[in-house]
C-alpha atoms as a PDB file:
ATOM      1  CA  CYS A   1      10.324  27.449  -5.424  1.00  0.00           C
ATOM      2  CA  TYR A   2       8.739  30.452  -6.995  1.00  0.00           C
ATOM      3  CA  GLN A   3       8.185  28.592 -10.359  1.00  0.00           C
ATOM      4  CA  LYS A   4       6.401  25.692  -8.037  1.00  0.00           C
ATOM      5  CA  TYR A   5       4.255  28.368  -6.418  1.00  0.00           C
ATOM      6  CA  ASP A   6       2.905  29.807  -9.841  1.00  0.00           C
ATOM      7  CA  GLU A   7       1.774  26.291 -10.792  1.00  0.00           C
ATOM      8  CA  LEU A   8       0.223  25.469  -7.275  1.00  0.00           C
ATOM      9  CA  SER A   9      -1.715  28.721  -7.717  1.00  0.00           C
ATOM     10  CA  ALA A  10      -2.577  28.298 -11.067  1.00  0.00           C
ATOM     11  CA  GLN A  11      -4.200  25.161  -9.768  1.00  0.00           C
ATOM     12  CA  ASN A  12      -5.635  26.241  -6.539  1.00  0.00           C
ATOM     13  CA  PRO A  13      -6.548  29.703  -6.642  1.00  0.00           C
ATOM     14  CA  SER A  14      -7.327  31.813  -3.476  1.00  0.00           C
ATOM     15  CA  ILE A  15      -8.145  35.014  -1.936  1.00  0.00           C
ATOM     16  CA  PRO A  16      -5.715  36.982  -0.181  1.00  0.00           C
ATOM     17  CA  GLN A  17      -6.553  37.687   3.513  1.00  0.00           C
ATOM     18  CA  ASN A  18      -4.594  40.577   4.774  1.00  0.00           C
ATOM     19  CA  PHE A  19      -2.419  38.157   6.923  1.00  0.00           C
ATOM     20  CA  THR A  20       0.058  40.280   7.206  1.00  0.00           C
ATOM     21  CA  GLU A  21      -1.686  42.998   8.176  1.00  0.00           C
ATOM     22  CA  LYS A  22      -3.771  41.644  10.866  1.00  0.00           C
ATOM     23  CA  CYS A  23      -0.052  40.001  12.086  1.00  0.00           C
ATOM     24  CA  LEU A  24       1.678  43.383  11.940  1.00  0.00           C
ATOM     25  CA  ALA A  25      -1.665  45.357  13.844  1.00  0.00           C
ATOM     26  CA  ALA A  26      -2.141  42.437  16.369  1.00  0.00           C
ATOM     27  CA  LEU A  27       1.990  42.166  17.353  1.00  0.00           C
ATOM     28  CA  ARG A  28       1.826  46.418  17.636  1.00  0.00           C
ATOM     29  CA  GLU A  29      -0.835  45.827  20.191  1.00  0.00           C
ATOM     30  CA  LYS A  30       1.381  43.173  21.986  1.00  0.00           C
ATOM     31  CA  ASP A  31      -0.982  40.509  21.254  1.00  0.00           C
ATOM     32  CA  VAL A  32       1.377  37.731  20.471  1.00  0.00           C
ATOM     33  CA  ASN A  33      -1.225  35.129  19.975  1.00  0.00           C
ATOM     34  CA  ALA A  34      -3.434  36.827  17.949  1.00  0.00           C
ATOM     35  CA  GLY A  35      -0.328  37.740  16.026  1.00  0.00           C
ATOM     36  CA  GLY A  36       0.706  34.423  15.624  1.00  0.00           C
ATOM     37  CA  MET A  37      -2.070  32.997  14.509  1.00  0.00           C
ATOM     38  CA  TYR A  38      -1.708  35.024  10.607  1.00  0.00           C
ATOM     39  CA  LEU A  39       2.168  33.740  10.387  1.00  0.00           C
ATOM     40  CA  MET A  40       1.878  32.275   7.432  1.00  0.00           C
ATOM     41  CA  ASN A  41       4.426  32.036   3.712  1.00  0.00           C
ATOM     42  CA  ASP A  42       2.752  31.525   0.834  1.00  0.00           C
ATOM     43  CA  LEU A  43       5.793  30.030  -0.494  1.00  0.00           C
ATOM     44  CA  TYR A  44       5.503  26.738   2.367  1.00  0.00           C
ATOM     45  CA  ALA A  45       3.443  25.003   0.278  1.00  0.00           C
ATOM     46  CA  PRO A  46       5.361  24.994  -3.147  1.00  0.00           C
ATOM     47  CA  ALA A  47       8.815  24.631  -0.734  1.00  0.00           C
ATOM     48  CA  LYS A  48       7.779  21.243   0.918  1.00  0.00           C
ATOM     49  CA  THR A  49       7.287  19.756  -2.564  1.00  0.00           C
ATOM     50  CA  LEU A  50      10.185  20.395  -3.709  1.00  0.00           C
ATOM     51  CA  CYS A  51      12.532  19.641  -0.219  1.00  0.00           C
ATOM     52  CA  SER A  52      10.784  17.063   2.361  1.00  0.00           C
ATOM     53  CA  ASP A  53      13.122  18.926   4.995  1.00  0.00           C
ATOM     54  CA  VAL A  54      10.930  22.004   5.149  1.00  0.00           C
ATOM     55  CA  GLY A  55       7.822  19.896   5.996  1.00  0.00           C
ATOM     56  CA  GLN A  56      10.002  17.850   8.297  1.00  0.00           C
ATOM     57  CA  ALA A  57      11.379  20.935   9.685  1.00  0.00           C
ATOM     58  CA  MET A  58       7.925  22.158  10.367  1.00  0.00           C
ATOM     59  CA  SER A  59       6.680  19.412  11.888  1.00  0.00           C
ATOM     60  CA  GLU A  60       9.223  18.979  13.785  1.00  0.00           C
ATOM     61  CA  ALA A  61       8.834  22.683  15.374  1.00  0.00           C
ATOM     62  CA  LEU A  62       5.069  22.191  15.884  1.00  0.00           C
ATOM     63  CA  SER A  63       5.384  19.335  17.838  1.00  0.00           C
ATOM     64  CA  PHE A  64       6.605  21.348  20.814  1.00  0.00           C
ATOM     65  CA  SER A  65       3.159  23.165  20.821  1.00  0.00           C
ATOM     66  CA  PRO A  66       4.532  26.559  19.875  1.00  0.00           C
ATOM     67  CA  ILE A  67       1.382  29.344  19.185  1.00  0.00           C
ATOM     68  CA  ASN A  68       2.733  28.748  15.639  1.00  0.00           C
ATOM     69  CA  ALA A  69       5.260  27.905  13.484  1.00  0.00           C
ATOM     70  CA  VAL A  70       6.292  29.469  10.152  1.00  0.00           C
ATOM     71  CA  MET A  71       8.827  29.118   7.003  1.00  0.00           C
ATOM     72  CA  THR A  72      11.432  32.071   6.159  1.00  0.00           C
ATOM     73  CA  GLY A  73      11.907  33.336   2.569  1.00  0.00           C
ATOM     74  CA  SER A  74      11.239  30.412   0.221  1.00  0.00           C
ATOM     75  CA  GLY A  75      12.432  27.868   2.409  1.00  0.00           C
ATOM     76  CA  SER A  76      16.001  28.477   4.197  1.00  0.00           C
ATOM     77  CA  CYS A  77      14.596  27.764   7.634  1.00  0.00           C
ATOM     78  CA  VAL A  78      11.648  27.271   9.929  1.00  0.00           C
ATOM     79  CA  ALA A  79      10.396  29.327  12.790  1.00  0.00           C
ATOM     80  CA  ALA A  80       8.423  28.566  15.920  1.00  0.00           C
ATOM     81  CA  LEU A  81       6.695  31.536  18.586  1.00  0.00           C
ATOM     82  CA  PHE A  82       6.584  30.727  21.821  1.00  0.00           C
ATOM     83  CA  GLU A  83       4.678  32.427  24.619  1.00  0.00           C
ATOM     84  CA  THR A  84       7.640  32.757  26.672  1.00  0.00           C
ATOM     85  CA  PRO A  85      11.003  33.105  26.658  1.00  0.00           C
ATOM     86  CA  GLU A  86      11.217  30.074  28.866  1.00  0.00           C
ATOM     87  CA  LEU A  87       8.835  27.504  26.969  1.00  0.00           C
ATOM     88  CA  CYS A  88      11.121  29.123  24.085  1.00  0.00           C
ATOM     89  CA  GLU A  89      14.284  27.360  25.772  1.00  0.00           C
ATOM     90  CA  TRP A  90      12.559  24.226  26.946  1.00  0.00           C
ATOM     91  CA  ALA A  91      11.483  23.536  23.519  1.00  0.00           C
ATOM     92  CA  LYS A  92      15.252  24.131  22.012  1.00  0.00           C
ATOM     93  CA  SER A  93      16.454  22.236  25.217  1.00  0.00           C
ATOM     94  CA  ARG A  94      14.266  18.728  24.397  1.00  0.00           C
ATOM     95  CA  TYR A  95      14.814  18.915  20.627  1.00  0.00           C
ATOM     96  CA  TYR A  96      17.186  16.397  19.195  1.00  0.00           C
ATOM     97  CA  GLY A  97      16.350  16.305  15.387  1.00  0.00           C
ATOM     98  CA  LYS A  98      19.090  16.844  12.416  1.00  0.00           C
ATOM     99  CA  TYR A  99      17.965  20.745  12.264  1.00  0.00           C
ATOM    100  CA  LYS A 100      19.855  23.481  14.231  1.00  0.00           C
ATOM    101  CA  THR A 101      18.512  25.066  16.488  1.00  0.00           C
ATOM    102  CA  MET A 102      18.227  28.668  18.104  1.00  0.00           C
ATOM    103  CA  VAL A 103      16.859  31.279  20.445  1.00  0.00           C
ATOM    104  CA  VAL A 104      15.816  34.642  18.985  1.00  0.00           C
ATOM    105  CA  LYS A 105      13.887  37.283  20.507  1.00  0.00           C
ATOM    106  CA  THR A 106      12.588  40.788  19.313  1.00  0.00           C
ATOM    107  CA  VAL A 107      13.753  43.705  20.435  1.00  0.00           C
ATOM    108  CA  GLU A 108      12.001  47.233  19.500  1.00  0.00           C
ATOM    109  CA  PRO A 109      14.295  49.385  17.674  1.00  0.00           C
ATOM    110  CA  SER A 110      13.942  52.492  20.575  1.00  0.00           C
ATOM    111  CA  LEU A 111      15.657  50.466  22.522  1.00  0.00           C
ATOM    112  CA  ILE A 112      19.276  49.644  20.730  1.00  0.00           C
ATOM    113  CA  LYS A 113      20.520  52.425  19.391  1.00  0.00           C
ATOM    114  CA  THR A 114      22.722  50.799  16.963  1.00  0.00           C
ATOM    115  CA  TRP A 115      20.325  48.562  15.018  1.00  0.00           C
ATOM    116  CA  LYS A 116      18.120  50.002  12.607  1.00  0.00           C
ATOM    117  CA  ASN A 117      16.563  46.361  12.270  1.00  0.00           C
ATOM    118  CA  PRO A 118      13.268  45.298  14.492  1.00  0.00           C
ATOM    119  CA  PHE A 119      15.190  41.821  15.223  1.00  0.00           C
ATOM    120  CA  ALA A 120      18.263  40.761  17.153  1.00  0.00           C
ATOM    121  CA  LEU A 121      20.003  37.199  16.796  1.00  0.00           C
ATOM    122  CA  SER A 122      21.057  35.975  20.380  1.00  0.00           C
ATOM    123  CA  VAL A 123      22.855  32.685  20.639  1.00  0.00           C
ATOM    124  CA  ASP A 124      23.176  31.069  23.899  1.00  0.00           C
ATOM    125  CA  GLY A 125      22.819  33.859  25.850  1.00  0.00           C
ATOM    126  CA  GLU A 126      24.722  36.659  23.889  1.00  0.00           C
ATOM    127  CA  GLU A 127      23.636  39.231  21.612  1.00  0.00           C
END
């Protein structure tokens, strides 16, 4: 995936747009809609050329009209960001594709004393 990224970057050089900083700033202000607009992963284009499942998973996630969707890492997961937990649960309940789905939530580290990571995983209502 990284080699493909280098090949694609050489063919189509782009100017960094500071999406990470803009996303984090919006999320710190609790503006999920603005933060969601900046969700991106530079490895998405090479990953979907190497593995059609990546593009299909992204397309299926976006079909539920989330704020945005983003591939994690080099293609291990696609995550969709919804405005409310209810919309997320609704999308999960109506997804009948081949990929496993989970509902996760972000928590503030200061509220959980045993976790140092700002992300907590919840599967079917269990934390």
